[in-house]
Amino acid sequence: MTDMTRSTYAGLRPLAVRALGQTGADIERLVREARQSARRQRRLLTWQDLDIALQGRRKRMPDDVLWRVCLHEAGHAIAWSLLGVGEVLSVTVGVENLGQVLTRRRNDMAQTETWLRQTMACLLGGRVSERMVLGDVVAGAGGDDTSDLAQATDYALAAETRLGFSRINPLLYRNPSGSLDLLSLDRELAARVNERLISAETLALELLTSHCNDLLEIASRLQERGVMEGREIRQVLGLAEPGMLEP
């Protein structure tokens, strides 16, 4: 790698990290606007122009809301990283729906009942971190069928109705179409689903309590910069990179 290539890479990498969570169209529009601004000032476009433009695209939030979002996403990121059911690629706040943890789910793990509980714990990790540090939670973990609570509930319901993990009639398969209505009609089923959710929440709480300092460190960096790469999350946690052996 030549010195010029290293210099270009060094300039591009921070910008690429800040651009996480943006679409290709967003980036194209941002570069065009930054170039037009530089032309009006009769100078060439610089890395700093793009950096300022990228920072300006992030959603402004009150300090208390931003801190909560950072804690929430840090909780998810720590759970995914430590439980190992998914590789964290990036964490962003202030983009799209306030915050996002981008993960690559592992497909080389046996999808056992333990795996299911761990995955649910990752989904509940954001909510758990809010309650652990702030003493309460907001409605952000729920709200629609793609929310953390909806996904965790669907996993728990699948365990009881479709995956053969239920203690009662484990061989009985129920079609997933309209299966969420079963929770309103079958109180015993709803209780078993809730038990699984509580178990996963407990796992997330134990995990995050034992890594409270890491949680605060990651949340603080997110609050300051708005984005972190997965490798930086793993460095804070003292984890080896995927595919690397511990020394």
C-alpha atoms as a PDB file:
ATOM      1  CA  MET A   1       0.000   0.000   0.000  1.00  0.00           C
ATOM      2  CA  THR A   2       1.497   3.353  -1.074  1.00  0.00           C
ATOM      3  CA  ASP A   3       1.620   6.430   1.143  1.00  0.00           C
ATOM      4  CA  MET A   4      -1.035   8.082  -1.029  1.00  0.00           C
ATOM      5  CA  THR A   5      -3.293   5.044  -0.738  1.00  0.00           C
ATOM      6  CA  ARG A   6      -2.838   4.989   3.038  1.00  0.00           C
ATOM      7  CA  SER A   7      -3.668   8.684   3.199  1.00  0.00           C
ATOM      8  CA  THR A   8      -6.811   8.204   1.116  1.00  0.00           C
ATOM      9  CA  TYR A   9      -7.873   5.235   3.245  1.00  0.00           C
ATOM     10  CA  ALA A  10      -7.254   7.190   6.438  1.00  0.00           C
ATOM     11  CA  GLY A  11      -9.426  10.009   5.141  1.00  0.00           C
ATOM     12  CA  LEU A  12     -12.233   7.802   3.873  1.00  0.00           C
ATOM     13  CA  ARG A  13     -12.600   5.443   6.834  1.00  0.00           C
ATOM     14  CA  PRO A  14     -13.946   8.004   9.353  1.00  0.00           C
ATOM     15  CA  LEU A  15     -16.372   9.239   6.698  1.00  0.00           C
ATOM     16  CA  ALA A  16     -17.507   5.698   5.932  1.00  0.00           C
ATOM     17  CA  VAL A  17     -18.172   5.116   9.618  1.00  0.00           C
ATOM     18  CA  ARG A  18     -20.184   8.340   9.909  1.00  0.00           C
ATOM     19  CA  ALA A  19     -22.168   7.339   6.815  1.00  0.00           C
ATOM     20  CA  LEU A  20     -23.381   4.101   8.392  1.00  0.00           C
ATOM     21  CA  GLY A  21     -27.167   4.012   8.371  1.00  0.00           C
ATOM     22  CA  GLN A  22     -27.460   6.310   5.338  1.00  0.00           C
ATOM     23  CA  THR A  23     -28.788   5.071   1.996  1.00  0.00           C
ATOM     24  CA  GLY A  24     -26.876   5.345  -1.267  1.00  0.00           C
ATOM     25  CA  ALA A  25     -29.258   8.082  -2.402  1.00  0.00           C
ATOM     26  CA  ASP A  26     -28.645   9.988   0.853  1.00  0.00           C
ATOM     27  CA  ILE A  27     -24.885   9.870   0.329  1.00  0.00           C
ATOM     28  CA  GLU A  28     -25.135  10.904  -3.320  1.00  0.00           C
ATOM     29  CA  ARG A  29     -27.283  13.905  -2.420  1.00  0.00           C
ATOM     30  CA  LEU A  30     -25.010  14.841   0.481  1.00  0.00           C
ATOM     31  CA  VAL A  31     -21.857  14.795  -1.678  1.00  0.00           C
ATOM     32  CA  ARG A  32     -23.574  16.844  -4.376  1.00  0.00           C
ATOM     33  CA  GLU A  33     -24.687  19.483  -1.873  1.00  0.00           C
ATOM     34  CA  ALA A  34     -21.224  19.629  -0.255  1.00  0.00           C
ATOM     35  CA  ARG A  35     -19.564  20.021  -3.664  1.00  0.00           C
ATOM     36  CA  GLN A  36     -21.951  22.837  -4.607  1.00  0.00           C
ATOM     37  CA  SER A  37     -21.193  24.592  -1.328  1.00  0.00           C
ATOM     38  CA  ALA A  38     -17.445  24.327  -1.941  1.00  0.00           C
ATOM     39  CA  ARG A  39     -17.836  25.697  -5.471  1.00  0.00           C
ATOM     40  CA  ARG A  40     -19.725  28.708  -4.166  1.00  0.00           C
ATOM     41  CA  GLN A  41     -16.730  29.359  -1.932  1.00  0.00           C
ATOM     42  CA  ARG A  42     -14.435  28.888  -4.946  1.00  0.00           C
ATOM     43  CA  ARG A  43     -12.419  26.042  -3.498  1.00  0.00           C
ATOM     44  CA  LEU A  44     -12.073  22.257  -3.821  1.00  0.00           C
ATOM     45  CA  LEU A  45     -14.158  19.799  -1.882  1.00  0.00           C
ATOM     46  CA  THR A  46     -12.400  18.475   1.252  1.00  0.00           C
ATOM     47  CA  TRP A  47     -12.818  15.536   3.648  1.00  0.00           C
ATOM     48  CA  GLN A  48     -13.903  18.055   6.284  1.00  0.00           C
ATOM     49  CA  ASP A  49     -16.758  19.284   4.070  1.00  0.00           C
ATOM     50  CA  LEU A  50     -18.112  15.748   3.837  1.00  0.00           C
ATOM     51  CA  ASP A  51     -17.599  15.138   7.548  1.00  0.00           C
ATOM     52  CA  ILE A  52     -19.555  18.278   8.464  1.00  0.00           C
ATOM     53  CA  ALA A  53     -22.305  17.363   5.992  1.00  0.00           C
ATOM     54  CA  LEU A  54     -22.610  13.852   7.397  1.00  0.00           C
ATOM     55  CA  GLN A  55     -22.852  15.127  10.952  1.00  0.00           C
ATOM     56  CA  GLY A  56     -25.509  17.610   9.875  1.00  0.00           C
ATOM     57  CA  ARG A  57     -27.709  14.775   8.547  1.00  0.00           C
ATOM     58  CA  ARG A  58     -28.108  13.268  11.974  1.00  0.00           C
ATOM     59  CA  LYS A  59     -31.336  13.862  13.807  1.00  0.00           C
ATOM     60  CA  ARG A  60     -31.155  16.391  16.633  1.00  0.00           C
ATOM     61  CA  MET A  61     -32.415  15.089  19.956  1.00  0.00           C
ATOM     62  CA  PRO A  62     -32.682  16.544  23.462  1.00  0.00           C
ATOM     63  CA  ASP A  63     -29.730  15.465  25.609  1.00  0.00           C
ATOM     64  CA  ASP A  64     -31.817  13.210  27.856  1.00  0.00           C
ATOM     65  CA  VAL A  65     -33.430  11.454  24.890  1.00  0.00           C
ATOM     66  CA  LEU A  66     -30.072  11.032  23.159  1.00  0.00           C
ATOM     67  CA  TRP A  67     -28.536   9.476  26.278  1.00  0.00           C
ATOM     68  CA  ARG A  68     -31.434   7.043  26.574  1.00  0.00           C
ATOM     69  CA  VAL A  69     -31.142   6.045  22.916  1.00  0.00           C
ATOM     70  CA  CYS A  70     -27.389   5.532  23.323  1.00  0.00           C
ATOM     71  CA  LEU A  71     -27.936   3.310  26.366  1.00  0.00           C
ATOM     72  CA  HIS A  72     -30.615   1.352  24.521  1.00  0.00           C
ATOM     73  CA  GLU A  73     -28.470   0.638  21.469  1.00  0.00           C
ATOM     74  CA  ALA A  74     -25.391  -0.079  23.594  1.00  0.00           C
ATOM     75  CA  GLY A  75     -27.412  -2.698  25.475  1.00  0.00           C
ATOM     76  CA  HIS A  76     -28.349  -4.423  22.234  1.00  0.00           C
ATOM     77  CA  ALA A  77     -24.776  -4.289  20.941  1.00  0.00           C
ATOM     78  CA  ILE A  78     -23.290  -5.786  24.115  1.00  0.00           C
ATOM     79  CA  ALA A  79     -25.819  -8.621  24.209  1.00  0.00           C
ATOM     80  CA  TRP A  80     -25.273  -9.529  20.545  1.00  0.00           C
ATOM     81  CA  SER A  81     -21.499  -9.412  20.983  1.00  0.00           C
ATOM     82  CA  LEU A  82     -21.208 -11.396  24.215  1.00  0.00           C
ATOM     83  CA  LEU A  83     -23.836 -14.030  23.495  1.00  0.00           C
ATOM     84  CA  GLY A  84     -22.364 -14.598  20.053  1.00  0.00           C
ATOM     85  CA  VAL A  85     -25.598 -15.243  18.163  1.00  0.00           C
ATOM     86  CA  GLY A  86     -24.851 -12.338  15.851  1.00  0.00           C
ATOM     87  CA  GLU A  87     -21.887 -10.214  14.815  1.00  0.00           C
ATOM     88  CA  VAL A  88     -22.334  -6.477  15.381  1.00  0.00           C
ATOM     89  CA  LEU A  89     -21.311  -4.529  12.276  1.00  0.00           C
ATOM     90  CA  SER A  90     -22.201  -1.034  13.430  1.00  0.00           C
ATOM     91  CA  VAL A  91     -24.227   0.995  15.909  1.00  0.00           C
ATOM     92  CA  THR A  92     -25.727   4.349  14.961  1.00  0.00           C
ATOM     93  CA  VAL A  93     -27.897   6.910  16.748  1.00  0.00           C
ATOM     94  CA  GLY A  94     -29.749   9.862  15.268  1.00  0.00           C
ATOM     95  CA  VAL A  95     -30.508   8.111  11.963  1.00  0.00           C
ATOM     96  CA  GLU A  96     -33.841   6.712  10.791  1.00  0.00           C
ATOM     97  CA  ASN A  97     -35.729   5.493  13.859  1.00  0.00           C
ATOM     98  CA  LEU A  98     -33.451   7.178  16.392  1.00  0.00           C
ATOM     99  CA  GLY A  99     -31.018   4.281  16.739  1.00  0.00           C
ATOM    100  CA  GLN A 100     -29.946   1.069  15.039  1.00  0.00           C
ATOM    101  CA  VAL A 101     -27.662  -1.885  15.655  1.00  0.00           C
ATOM    102  CA  LEU A 102     -26.716  -3.552  12.383  1.00  0.00           C
ATOM    103  CA  THR A 103     -25.864  -7.227  12.878  1.00  0.00           C
ATOM    104  CA  ARG A 104     -24.955 -10.243  10.797  1.00  0.00           C
ATOM    105  CA  ARG A 105     -26.830 -13.214  12.195  1.00  0.00           C
ATOM    106  CA  ARG A 106     -24.740 -16.365  12.529  1.00  0.00           C
ATOM    107  CA  ASN A 107     -25.968 -19.321  10.488  1.00  0.00           C
ATOM    108  CA  ASP A 108     -23.399 -21.795  11.808  1.00  0.00           C
ATOM    109  CA  MET A 109     -25.036 -22.235  15.231  1.00  0.00           C
ATOM    110  CA  ALA A 110     -27.475 -24.953  16.193  1.00  0.00           C
ATOM    111  CA  GLN A 111     -30.826 -23.257  16.707  1.00  0.00           C
ATOM    112  CA  THR A 112     -31.565 -24.898  20.021  1.00  0.00           C
ATOM    113  CA  GLU A 113     -33.784 -23.644  22.827  1.00  0.00           C
ATOM    114  CA  THR A 114     -30.682 -22.022  24.361  1.00  0.00           C
ATOM    115  CA  TRP A 115     -30.011 -20.180  21.098  1.00  0.00           C
ATOM    116  CA  LEU A 116     -33.622 -19.005  21.079  1.00  0.00           C
ATOM    117  CA  ARG A 117     -33.366 -17.604  24.619  1.00  0.00           C
ATOM    118  CA  GLN A 118     -30.099 -15.857  23.780  1.00  0.00           C
ATOM    119  CA  THR A 119     -31.572 -14.276  20.658  1.00  0.00           C
ATOM    120  CA  MET A 120     -34.548 -13.031  22.649  1.00  0.00           C
ATOM    121  CA  ALA A 121     -32.156 -11.614  25.265  1.00  0.00           C
ATOM    122  CA  CYS A 122     -30.396  -9.636  22.524  1.00  0.00           C
ATOM    123  CA  LEU A 123     -33.725  -8.205  21.389  1.00  0.00           C
ATOM    124  CA  LEU A 124     -34.602  -7.200  24.949  1.00  0.00           C
ATOM    125  CA  GLY A 125     -31.138  -5.869  25.796  1.00  0.00           C
ATOM    126  CA  GLY A 126     -31.981  -2.280  24.867  1.00  0.00           C
ATOM    127  CA  ARG A 127     -35.025  -2.090  27.107  1.00  0.00           C
ATOM    128  CA  VAL A 128     -33.118  -3.769  29.938  1.00  0.00           C
ATOM    129  CA  SER A 129     -30.248  -1.284  29.753  1.00  0.00           C
ATOM    130  CA  GLU A 130     -32.680   1.645  29.993  1.00  0.00           C
ATOM    131  CA  ARG A 131     -34.297   0.287  33.151  1.00  0.00           C
ATOM    132  CA  MET A 132     -30.965  -0.712  34.668  1.00  0.00           C
ATOM    133  CA  VAL A 133     -29.350   2.725  34.325  1.00  0.00           C
ATOM    134  CA  LEU A 134     -32.301   5.122  34.226  1.00  0.00           C
ATOM    135  CA  GLY A 135     -34.831   3.240  36.341  1.00  0.00           C
ATOM    136  CA  ASP A 136     -37.604   3.223  33.720  1.00  0.00           C
ATOM    137  CA  VAL A 137     -38.263   2.517  30.040  1.00  0.00           C
ATOM    138  CA  VAL A 138     -40.029   4.289  27.198  1.00  0.00           C
ATOM    139  CA  ALA A 139     -42.296   2.821  24.539  1.00  0.00           C
ATOM    140  CA  GLY A 140     -39.530   2.670  21.932  1.00  0.00           C
ATOM    141  CA  ALA A 141     -39.015  -1.090  22.300  1.00  0.00           C
ATOM    142  CA  GLY A 142     -42.603  -1.719  21.202  1.00  0.00           C
ATOM    143  CA  GLY A 143     -45.136  -0.159  18.894  1.00  0.00           C
ATOM    144  CA  ASP A 144     -45.320  -2.306  15.764  1.00  0.00           C
ATOM    145  CA  ASP A 145     -44.656  -5.776  14.384  1.00  0.00           C
ATOM    146  CA  THR A 146     -40.980  -5.000  13.726  1.00  0.00           C
ATOM    147  CA  SER A 147     -40.258  -3.737  17.246  1.00  0.00           C
ATOM    148  CA  ASP A 148     -37.997  -5.420  19.794  1.00  0.00           C
ATOM    149  CA  LEU A 149     -40.933  -6.603  21.901  1.00  0.00           C
ATOM    150  CA  ALA A 150     -42.856  -7.901  18.884  1.00  0.00           C
ATOM    151  CA  GLN A 151     -39.896  -9.903  17.606  1.00  0.00           C
ATOM    152  CA  ALA A 152     -39.059 -11.329  21.031  1.00  0.00           C
ATOM    153  CA  THR A 153     -42.706 -12.278  21.594  1.00  0.00           C
ATOM    154  CA  ASP A 154     -42.892 -13.974  18.212  1.00  0.00           C
ATOM    155  CA  TYR A 155     -39.794 -16.056  19.052  1.00  0.00           C
ATOM    156  CA  ALA A 156     -41.336 -17.079  22.382  1.00  0.00           C
ATOM    157  CA  LEU A 157     -44.670 -17.902  20.757  1.00  0.00           C
ATOM    158  CA  ALA A 158     -42.917 -19.918  18.039  1.00  0.00           C
ATOM    159  CA  ALA A 159     -41.155 -21.943  20.734  1.00  0.00           C
ATOM    160  CA  GLU A 160     -44.525 -22.880  22.197  1.00  0.00           C
ATOM    161  CA  THR A 161     -46.484 -23.441  18.988  1.00  0.00           C
ATOM    162  CA  ARG A 162     -44.182 -24.200  16.058  1.00  0.00           C
ATOM    163  CA  LEU A 163     -40.650 -25.183  17.074  1.00  0.00           C
ATOM    164  CA  GLY A 164     -41.334 -28.172  19.314  1.00  0.00           C
ATOM    165  CA  PHE A 165     -39.916 -26.603  22.511  1.00  0.00           C
ATOM    166  CA  SER A 166     -43.145 -26.479  24.520  1.00  0.00           C
ATOM    167  CA  ARG A 167     -43.508 -28.572  27.690  1.00  0.00           C
ATOM    168  CA  ILE A 168     -47.149 -29.124  26.703  1.00  0.00           C
ATOM    169  CA  ASN A 169     -47.948 -30.902  23.432  1.00  0.00           C
ATOM    170  CA  PRO A 170     -44.480 -30.217  21.944  1.00  0.00           C
ATOM    171  CA  LEU A 171     -45.303 -32.167  18.765  1.00  0.00           C
ATOM    172  CA  LEU A 172     -48.367 -30.076  18.011  1.00  0.00           C
ATOM    173  CA  TYR A 173     -47.639 -27.606  15.198  1.00  0.00           C
ATOM    174  CA  ARG A 174     -49.829 -24.547  14.850  1.00  0.00           C
ATOM    175  CA  ASN A 175     -49.867 -22.496  11.659  1.00  0.00           C
ATOM    176  CA  PRO A 176     -48.202 -19.091  12.248  1.00  0.00           C
ATOM    177  CA  SER A 177     -50.962 -17.270  10.348  1.00  0.00           C
ATOM    178  CA  GLY A 178     -52.898 -15.384  12.980  1.00  0.00           C
ATOM    179  CA  SER A 179     -50.983 -17.095  15.769  1.00  0.00           C
ATOM    180  CA  LEU A 180     -50.636 -13.907  17.799  1.00  0.00           C
ATOM    181  CA  ASP A 181     -54.406 -14.016  18.337  1.00  0.00           C
ATOM    182  CA  LEU A 182     -53.807 -17.208  20.322  1.00  0.00           C
ATOM    183  CA  LEU A 183     -52.297 -15.106  23.100  1.00  0.00           C
ATOM    184  CA  SER A 184     -55.640 -13.399  23.623  1.00  0.00           C
ATOM    185  CA  LEU A 185     -57.623 -16.621  23.470  1.00  0.00           C
ATOM    186  CA  ASP A 186     -55.366 -19.038  25.375  1.00  0.00           C
ATOM    187  CA  ARG A 187     -54.331 -17.734  28.799  1.00  0.00           C
ATOM    188  CA  GLU A 188     -52.135 -20.719  29.583  1.00  0.00           C
ATOM    189  CA  LEU A 189     -50.237 -20.272  26.321  1.00  0.00           C
ATOM    190  CA  ALA A 190     -49.866 -16.553  27.018  1.00  0.00           C
ATOM    191  CA  ALA A 191     -48.446 -17.370  30.457  1.00  0.00           C
ATOM    192  CA  ARG A 192     -45.858 -19.756  28.997  1.00  0.00           C
ATOM    193  CA  VAL A 193     -44.847 -17.215  26.348  1.00  0.00           C
ATOM    194  CA  ASN A 194     -44.481 -14.595  29.063  1.00  0.00           C
ATOM    195  CA  GLU A 195     -42.311 -16.969  31.106  1.00  0.00           C
ATOM    196  CA  ARG A 196     -39.929 -17.276  28.169  1.00  0.00           C
ATOM    197  CA  LEU A 197     -39.797 -13.503  27.778  1.00  0.00           C
ATOM    198  CA  ILE A 198     -39.023 -13.056  31.472  1.00  0.00           C
ATOM    199  CA  SER A 199     -36.300 -15.706  31.259  1.00  0.00           C
ATOM    200  CA  ALA A 200     -34.689 -13.926  28.297  1.00  0.00           C
ATOM    201  CA  GLU A 201     -34.985 -10.567  30.037  1.00  0.00           C
ATOM    202  CA  THR A 202     -33.302 -12.029  33.123  1.00  0.00           C
ATOM    203  CA  LEU A 203     -30.428 -13.299  30.977  1.00  0.00           C
ATOM    204  CA  ALA A 204     -29.998  -9.850  29.424  1.00  0.00           C
ATOM    205  CA  LEU A 205     -30.085  -8.199  32.855  1.00  0.00           C
ATOM    206  CA  GLU A 206     -27.440 -10.534  34.289  1.00  0.00           C
ATOM    207  CA  LEU A 207     -25.224  -9.954  31.267  1.00  0.00           C
ATOM    208  CA  LEU A 208     -25.514  -6.166  31.256  1.00  0.00           C
ATOM    209  CA  THR A 209     -25.182  -5.862  35.034  1.00  0.00           C
ATOM    210  CA  SER A 210     -21.848  -7.656  34.874  1.00  0.00           C
ATOM    211  CA  HIS A 211     -20.732  -5.288  32.077  1.00  0.00           C
ATOM    212  CA  CYS A 212     -22.201  -2.051  33.413  1.00  0.00           C
ATOM    213  CA  ASN A 213     -18.967  -0.091  32.976  1.00  0.00           C
ATOM    214  CA  ASP A 214     -18.697  -1.263  29.373  1.00  0.00           C
ATOM    215  CA  LEU A 215     -22.323  -0.268  28.804  1.00  0.00           C
ATOM    216  CA  LEU A 216     -21.669   3.266  30.040  1.00  0.00           C
ATOM    217  CA  GLU A 217     -18.435   3.521  28.035  1.00  0.00           C
ATOM    218  CA  ILE A 218     -20.073   2.466  24.770  1.00  0.00           C
ATOM    219  CA  ALA A 219     -23.112   4.694  25.373  1.00  0.00           C
ATOM    220  CA  SER A 220     -20.823   7.665  26.089  1.00  0.00           C
ATOM    221  CA  ARG A 221     -18.899   7.158  22.848  1.00  0.00           C
ATOM    222  CA  LEU A 222     -22.165   6.906  20.918  1.00  0.00           C
ATOM    223  CA  GLN A 223     -23.411  10.089  22.551  1.00  0.00           C
ATOM    224  CA  GLU A 224     -20.243  11.884  21.508  1.00  0.00           C
ATOM    225  CA  ARG A 225     -19.840  10.543  17.964  1.00  0.00           C
ATOM    226  CA  GLY A 226     -23.198   9.085  16.931  1.00  0.00           C
ATOM    227  CA  VAL A 227     -21.689   5.920  15.455  1.00  0.00           C
ATOM    228  CA  MET A 228     -19.409   3.023  16.367  1.00  0.00           C
ATOM    229  CA  GLU A 229     -18.109   0.095  14.366  1.00  0.00           C
ATOM    230  CA  GLY A 230     -18.618  -3.414  15.619  1.00  0.00           C
ATOM    231  CA  ARG A 231     -14.895  -3.926  16.030  1.00  0.00           C
ATOM    232  CA  GLU A 232     -14.733  -0.974  18.439  1.00  0.00           C
ATOM    233  CA  ILE A 233     -17.577  -2.485  20.471  1.00  0.00           C
ATOM    234  CA  ARG A 234     -15.611  -5.735  20.680  1.00  0.00           C
ATOM    235  CA  GLN A 235     -12.461  -3.879  21.710  1.00  0.00           C
ATOM    236  CA  VAL A 236     -14.298  -2.258  24.628  1.00  0.00           C
ATOM    237  CA  LEU A 237     -15.580  -5.700  25.653  1.00  0.00           C
ATOM    238  CA  GLY A 238     -12.158  -7.308  25.260  1.00  0.00           C
ATOM    239  CA  LEU A 239     -13.348  -9.733  22.599  1.00  0.00           C
ATOM    240  CA  ALA A 240     -11.340 -11.151  19.723  1.00  0.00           C
ATOM    241  CA  GLU A 241     -12.380 -10.332  16.198  1.00  0.00           C
ATOM    242  CA  PRO A 242     -14.509 -12.994  14.440  1.00  0.00           C
ATOM    243  CA  GLY A 243     -12.304 -15.680  12.984  1.00  0.00           C
ATOM    244  CA  MET A 244      -9.377 -14.827  15.260  1.00  0.00           C
ATOM    245  CA  LEU A 245      -8.063 -17.061  18.010  1.00  0.00           C
ATOM    246  CA  GLU A 246      -7.490 -15.786  21.509  1.00  0.00           C
ATOM    247  CA  PRO A 247      -3.744 -15.451  22.313  1.00  0.00           C
END
